[in-house]
C-alpha atoms as a PDB file:
ATOM      1  CA  MET A   1      43.267 -44.471  56.437  1.00  0.00           C
ATOM      2  CA  VAL A   2      42.001 -40.893  56.237  1.00  0.00           C
ATOM      3  CA  ASP A   3      41.611 -39.258  52.838  1.00  0.00           C
ATOM      4  CA  THR A   4      40.513 -35.660  53.354  1.00  0.00           C
ATOM      5  CA  ASP A   5      39.482 -35.027  49.760  1.00  0.00           C
ATOM      6  CA  ALA A   6      38.128 -38.398  48.627  1.00  0.00           C
ATOM      7  CA  GLY A   7      34.715 -37.976  47.100  1.00  0.00           C
ATOM      8  CA  LEU A   8      34.780 -34.196  47.224  1.00  0.00           C
ATOM      9  CA  ALA A   9      33.921 -32.250  44.110  1.00  0.00           C
ATOM     10  CA  ASN A  10      36.925 -31.085  42.091  1.00  0.00           C
ATOM     11  CA  GLY A  11      39.224 -32.666  44.676  1.00  0.00           C
ATOM     12  CA  GLU A  12      38.665 -29.734  47.028  1.00  0.00           C
ATOM     13  CA  ALA A  13      38.941 -30.597  50.704  1.00  0.00           C
ATOM     14  CA  ASP A  14      35.900 -29.837  52.817  1.00  0.00           C
ATOM     15  CA  GLU A  15      37.441 -28.156  55.848  1.00  0.00           C
ATOM     16  CA  GLY A  16      36.523 -29.912  59.053  1.00  0.00           C
ATOM     17  CA  SER A  17      35.801 -33.175  57.267  1.00  0.00           C
ATOM     18  CA  SER A  18      37.470 -36.402  56.324  1.00  0.00           C
ATOM     19  CA  THR A  19      36.568 -39.531  54.461  1.00  0.00           C
ATOM     20  CA  GLU A  20      37.754 -42.843  55.816  1.00  0.00           C
ATOM     21  CA  ARG A  21      37.641 -46.248  54.234  1.00  0.00           C
ATOM     22  CA  ASP A  22      37.180 -48.589  57.157  1.00  0.00           C
ATOM     23  CA  THR A  23      35.426 -51.746  58.204  1.00  0.00           C
ATOM     24  CA  ALA A  24      32.571 -49.814  59.886  1.00  0.00           C
ATOM     25  CA  ALA A  25      31.119 -48.707  56.552  1.00  0.00           C
ATOM     26  CA  PRO A  26      29.065 -51.239  54.579  1.00  0.00           C
ATOM     27  CA  GLU A  27      30.648 -52.727  51.468  1.00  0.00           C
ATOM     28  CA  GLY A  28      30.606 -50.174  48.632  1.00  0.00           C
ATOM     29  CA  TYR A  29      30.528 -47.247  51.105  1.00  0.00           C
ATOM     30  CA  ARG A  30      33.073 -45.082  52.878  1.00  0.00           C
ATOM     31  CA  THR A  31      32.685 -43.210  56.175  1.00  0.00           C
ATOM     32  CA  TYR A  32      32.370 -39.443  55.824  1.00  0.00           C
ATOM     33  CA  HIS A  33      33.005 -37.435  59.001  1.00  0.00           C
ATOM     34  CA  ASN A  34      32.236 -33.746  59.392  1.00  0.00           C
ATOM     35  CA  SER A  35      33.395 -32.240  62.686  1.00  0.00           C
ATOM     36  CA  ASP A  36      31.584 -28.946  61.968  1.00  0.00           C
ATOM     37  CA  PHE A  37      28.240 -30.781  61.910  1.00  0.00           C
ATOM     38  CA  GLY A  38      29.352 -33.295  64.524  1.00  0.00           C
ATOM     39  CA  PHE A  39      28.364 -36.449  62.649  1.00  0.00           C
ATOM     40  CA  SER A  40      29.687 -39.305  60.548  1.00  0.00           C
ATOM     41  CA  MET A  41      27.778 -41.224  57.909  1.00  0.00           C
ATOM     42  CA  ALA A  42      28.368 -43.937  55.363  1.00  0.00           C
ATOM     43  CA  VAL A  43      28.297 -42.575  51.799  1.00  0.00           C
ATOM     44  CA  PRO A  44      28.495 -44.555  48.540  1.00  0.00           C
ATOM     45  CA  GLU A  45      32.081 -44.752  47.274  1.00  0.00           C
ATOM     46  CA  ASP A  46      31.150 -43.145  43.939  1.00  0.00           C
ATOM     47  CA  SER A  47      29.281 -40.198  45.460  1.00  0.00           C
ATOM     48  CA  SER A  48      30.570 -36.643  45.645  1.00  0.00           C
ATOM     49  CA  VAL A  49      30.541 -34.701  48.913  1.00  0.00           C
ATOM     50  CA  GLN A  50      30.569 -30.921  48.700  1.00  0.00           C
ATOM     51  CA  ALA A  51      30.457 -28.168  51.289  1.00  0.00           C
ATOM     52  CA  GLU A  52      28.166 -25.495  49.876  1.00  0.00           C
ATOM     53  CA  GLY A  53      29.023 -22.761  52.322  1.00  0.00           C
ATOM     54  CA  PRO A  54      28.770 -22.617  56.085  1.00  0.00           C
ATOM     55  CA  GLY A  55      26.207 -25.018  57.493  1.00  0.00           C
ATOM     56  CA  ARG A  56      25.355 -26.704  54.189  1.00  0.00           C
ATOM     57  CA  LEU A  57      26.598 -30.001  52.780  1.00  0.00           C
ATOM     58  CA  LYS A  58      25.579 -31.824  49.579  1.00  0.00           C
ATOM     59  CA  ILE A  59      26.112 -35.517  48.857  1.00  0.00           C
ATOM     60  CA  GLN A  60      25.273 -36.517  45.305  1.00  0.00           C
ATOM     61  CA  LEU A  61      25.417 -39.520  43.024  1.00  0.00           C
ATOM     62  CA  LEU A  62      24.187 -39.055  39.458  1.00  0.00           C
ATOM     63  CA  GLY A  63      23.615 -41.911  37.038  1.00  0.00           C
ATOM     64  CA  PRO A  64      24.454 -42.039  33.324  1.00  0.00           C
ATOM     65  CA  LEU A  65      20.982 -40.856  32.224  1.00  0.00           C
ATOM     66  CA  ASN A  66      21.176 -37.571  34.170  1.00  0.00           C
ATOM     67  CA  GLU A  67      21.857 -34.601  31.915  1.00  0.00           C
ATOM     68  CA  PRO A  68      24.388 -32.065  33.239  1.00  0.00           C
ATOM     69  CA  PHE A  69      22.981 -28.939  34.923  1.00  0.00           C
ATOM     70  CA  THR A  70      19.428 -30.303  35.238  1.00  0.00           C
ATOM     71  CA  GLU A  71      17.264 -31.485  38.096  1.00  0.00           C
ATOM     72  CA  VAL A  72      17.975 -35.019  39.288  1.00  0.00           C
ATOM     73  CA  THR A  73      16.538 -37.426  36.709  1.00  0.00           C
ATOM     74  CA  ASP A  74      18.866 -40.373  37.437  1.00  0.00           C
ATOM     75  CA  GLY A  75      20.466 -40.501  40.891  1.00  0.00           C
ATOM     76  CA  PHE A  76      20.091 -38.728  44.206  1.00  0.00           C
ATOM     77  CA  THR A  77      21.025 -35.560  46.014  1.00  0.00           C
ATOM     78  CA  LEU A  78      21.071 -35.490  49.802  1.00  0.00           C
ATOM     79  CA  THR A  79      21.569 -32.107  51.479  1.00  0.00           C
ATOM     80  CA  VAL A  80      22.331 -31.421  55.138  1.00  0.00           C
ATOM     81  CA  PHE A  81      21.429 -27.907  56.246  1.00  0.00           C
ATOM     82  CA  GLU A  82      22.245 -26.442  59.646  1.00  0.00           C
ATOM     83  CA  ASP A  83      19.513 -24.063  60.771  1.00  0.00           C
ATOM     84  CA  GLU A  84      20.629 -21.403  63.270  1.00  0.00           C
ATOM     85  CA  LEU A  85      17.391 -20.790  65.145  1.00  0.00           C
ATOM     86  CA  ASP A  86      16.032 -17.379  66.147  1.00  0.00           C
ATOM     87  CA  THR A  87      13.372 -19.056  68.246  1.00  0.00           C
ATOM     88  CA  SER A  88      14.022 -21.573  70.976  1.00  0.00           C
ATOM     89  CA  TYR A  89      11.889 -24.664  70.391  1.00  0.00           C
ATOM     90  CA  ALA A  90      10.889 -26.861  73.306  1.00  0.00           C
ATOM     91  CA  SER A  91      11.175 -30.050  71.240  1.00  0.00           C
ATOM     92  CA  ALA A  92      12.133 -31.474  67.871  1.00  0.00           C
ATOM     93  CA  GLU A  93       8.410 -31.907  67.171  1.00  0.00           C
ATOM     94  CA  GLU A  94       7.759 -28.188  67.711  1.00  0.00           C
ATOM     95  CA  TYR A  95      10.686 -27.345  65.402  1.00  0.00           C
ATOM     96  CA  ALA A  96       9.392 -29.775  62.756  1.00  0.00           C
ATOM     97  CA  GLU A  97       5.885 -28.298  62.919  1.00  0.00           C
ATOM     98  CA  ALA A  98       7.332 -24.805  62.336  1.00  0.00           C
ATOM     99  CA  VAL A  99       9.366 -26.006  59.339  1.00  0.00           C
ATOM    100  CA  ILE A 100       6.410 -27.835  57.751  1.00  0.00           C
ATOM    101  CA  ALA A 101       4.193 -24.743  58.254  1.00  0.00           C
ATOM    102  CA  ASP A 102       6.825 -22.705  56.412  1.00  0.00           C
ATOM    103  CA  THR A 103       6.929 -25.336  53.621  1.00  0.00           C
ATOM    104  CA  ARG A 104       3.129 -25.145  53.308  1.00  0.00           C
ATOM    105  CA  SER A 105       3.318 -21.345  52.984  1.00  0.00           C
ATOM    106  CA  VAL A 106       5.114 -21.671  49.623  1.00  0.00           C
ATOM    107  CA  SER A 107       2.253 -22.033  47.139  1.00  0.00           C
ATOM    108  CA  GLU A 108       4.188 -24.336  44.761  1.00  0.00           C
ATOM    109  CA  ASN A 109       4.789 -26.908  47.521  1.00  0.00           C
ATOM    110  CA  GLU A 110       2.261 -29.677  48.080  1.00  0.00           C
ATOM    111  CA  ILE A 111       2.697 -31.736  51.246  1.00  0.00           C
ATOM    112  CA  ALA A 112       2.825 -35.398  50.221  1.00  0.00           C
ATOM    113  CA  THR A 113       3.255 -37.023  53.643  1.00  0.00           C
ATOM    114  CA  GLU A 114       2.647 -35.542  57.081  1.00  0.00           C
ATOM    115  CA  LEU A 115       5.110 -35.539  59.979  1.00  0.00           C
ATOM    116  CA  GLU A 116       6.249 -38.993  61.061  1.00  0.00           C
ATOM    117  CA  ALA A 117       8.310 -39.592  64.220  1.00  0.00           C
ATOM    118  CA  ARG A 118      11.803 -41.037  63.584  1.00  0.00           C
ATOM    119  CA  SER A 119      15.230 -41.105  65.210  1.00  0.00           C
ATOM    120  CA  VAL A 120      18.547 -39.729  63.941  1.00  0.00           C
ATOM    121  CA  ASN A 121      21.708 -40.632  65.841  1.00  0.00           C
ATOM    122  CA  GLY A 122      19.526 -41.547  68.830  1.00  0.00           C
ATOM    123  CA  MET A 123      17.808 -38.137  68.823  1.00  0.00           C
ATOM    124  CA  PRO A 124      14.082 -37.607  68.212  1.00  0.00           C
ATOM    125  CA  ALA A 125      13.531 -36.576  64.600  1.00  0.00           C
ATOM    126  CA  TYR A 126      10.624 -36.069  62.216  1.00  0.00           C
ATOM    127  CA  ARG A 127      10.200 -36.871  58.546  1.00  0.00           C
ATOM    128  CA  TYR A 128       7.831 -35.474  55.936  1.00  0.00           C
ATOM    129  CA  SER A 129       7.727 -35.171  52.144  1.00  0.00           C
ATOM    130  CA  TYR A 130       6.550 -32.520  49.737  1.00  0.00           C
ATOM    131  CA  ARG A 131       6.345 -32.102  45.999  1.00  0.00           C
ATOM    132  CA  GLY A 132       8.344 -29.054  44.904  1.00  0.00           C
ATOM    133  CA  ALA A 133       7.722 -26.592  42.086  1.00  0.00           C
ATOM    134  CA  LEU A 134       9.404 -28.860  39.497  1.00  0.00           C
ATOM    135  CA  GLY A 135       7.338 -31.865  40.576  1.00  0.00           C
ATOM    136  CA  SER A 136      10.161 -33.703  42.359  1.00  0.00           C
ATOM    137  CA  LEU A 137       9.352 -35.440  45.620  1.00  0.00           C
ATOM    138  CA  VAL A 138      11.552 -34.008  48.375  1.00  0.00           C
ATOM    139  CA  THR A 139      11.787 -35.799  51.716  1.00  0.00           C
ATOM    140  CA  GLU A 140      13.141 -34.033  54.792  1.00  0.00           C
ATOM    141  CA  TYR A 141      14.352 -35.276  58.156  1.00  0.00           C
ATOM    142  CA  LEU A 142      14.318 -32.638  60.909  1.00  0.00           C
ATOM    143  CA  PHE A 143      16.030 -32.857  64.262  1.00  0.00           C
ATOM    144  CA  LEU A 144      17.121 -30.551  67.048  1.00  0.00           C
ATOM    145  CA  PRO A 145      20.420 -31.543  68.713  1.00  0.00           C
ATOM    146  CA  ASP A 146      20.504 -28.463  70.963  1.00  0.00           C
ATOM    147  CA  ALA A 147      18.381 -25.422  71.773  1.00  0.00           C
ATOM    148  CA  GLY A 148      20.016 -23.078  69.251  1.00  0.00           C
ATOM    149  CA  THR A 149      20.469 -25.308  66.217  1.00  0.00           C
ATOM    150  CA  GLY A 150      18.177 -27.426  64.079  1.00  0.00           C
ATOM    151  CA  TYR A 151      19.169 -29.706  61.218  1.00  0.00           C
ATOM    152  CA  GLN A 152      17.325 -30.473  58.025  1.00  0.00           C
ATOM    153  CA  ILE A 153      18.368 -33.421  55.866  1.00  0.00           C
ATOM    154  CA  SER A 154      16.560 -33.438  52.547  1.00  0.00           C
ATOM    155  CA  TYR A 155      16.863 -35.751  49.589  1.00  0.00           C
ATOM    156  CA  ILE A 156      15.585 -36.155  46.058  1.00  0.00           C
ATOM    157  CA  ILE A 157      15.753 -39.525  44.303  1.00  0.00           C
ATOM    158  CA  SER A 158      15.053 -40.461  40.698  1.00  0.00           C
ATOM    159  CA  ASP A 159      15.737 -44.063  39.711  1.00  0.00           C
ATOM    160  CA  PRO A 160      14.487 -44.811  36.179  1.00  0.00           C
ATOM    161  CA  GLU A 161      16.716 -47.906  35.777  1.00  0.00           C
ATOM    162  CA  ASN A 162      16.354 -49.375  39.293  1.00  0.00           C
ATOM    163  CA  ARG A 163      19.932 -48.716  40.438  1.00  0.00           C
ATOM    164  CA  ASP A 164      18.847 -48.875  44.111  1.00  0.00           C
ATOM    165  CA  TYR A 165      19.384 -45.154  44.826  1.00  0.00           C
ATOM    166  CA  GLU A 166      16.648 -45.231  47.461  1.00  0.00           C
ATOM    167  CA  ASP A 167      18.413 -48.070  49.293  1.00  0.00           C
ATOM    168  CA  MET A 168      21.662 -46.066  49.156  1.00  0.00           C
ATOM    169  CA  VAL A 169      19.995 -43.027  50.753  1.00  0.00           C
ATOM    170  CA  PHE A 170      18.384 -45.182  53.460  1.00  0.00           C
ATOM    171  CA  THR A 171      21.780 -46.811  54.196  1.00  0.00           C
ATOM    172  CA  MET A 172      23.270 -43.321  54.571  1.00  0.00           C
ATOM    173  CA  LEU A 173      20.486 -42.188  56.923  1.00  0.00           C
ATOM    174  CA  GLU A 174      20.649 -45.372  58.981  1.00  0.00           C
ATOM    175  CA  SER A 175      24.397 -44.873  59.441  1.00  0.00           C
ATOM    176  CA  LEU A 176      23.951 -41.535  61.223  1.00  0.00           C
END
């Protein structure tokens, strides 16, 4: 079954996307597919999925302790950002090094973990974390599916009542 607006904020359909409830997604998750980005991922059933303009997607689940219109204090936000590249990078590692250098150039950002090799959808990827201006720990995954486009997946998690938000984010990332 395909439900093109399930889990989308305000019931608005995200063009180029669909949400399917199928047996491939783990229990408590649904499969979100975005043809514009060219990927599918399992997302928690209660999460919202929002297109925030071209090349930007936000998946969010906020708990009962999170105040409206504040930073995430109970829940998670995962953002996928498509980066149209001016420079052609020879590898995902070179792209990741350029992104982390840019992150370091913002004085409020403190690098918490250095680049770590990973894999996303079978492609080489890199992960690092930094502490932003508000003190939240932001973790980013960076990968380069083709010469002209890079992708950044970043997430922020706050889990004061141990609701397993970190496990939910890792399940989403592993499903790519």
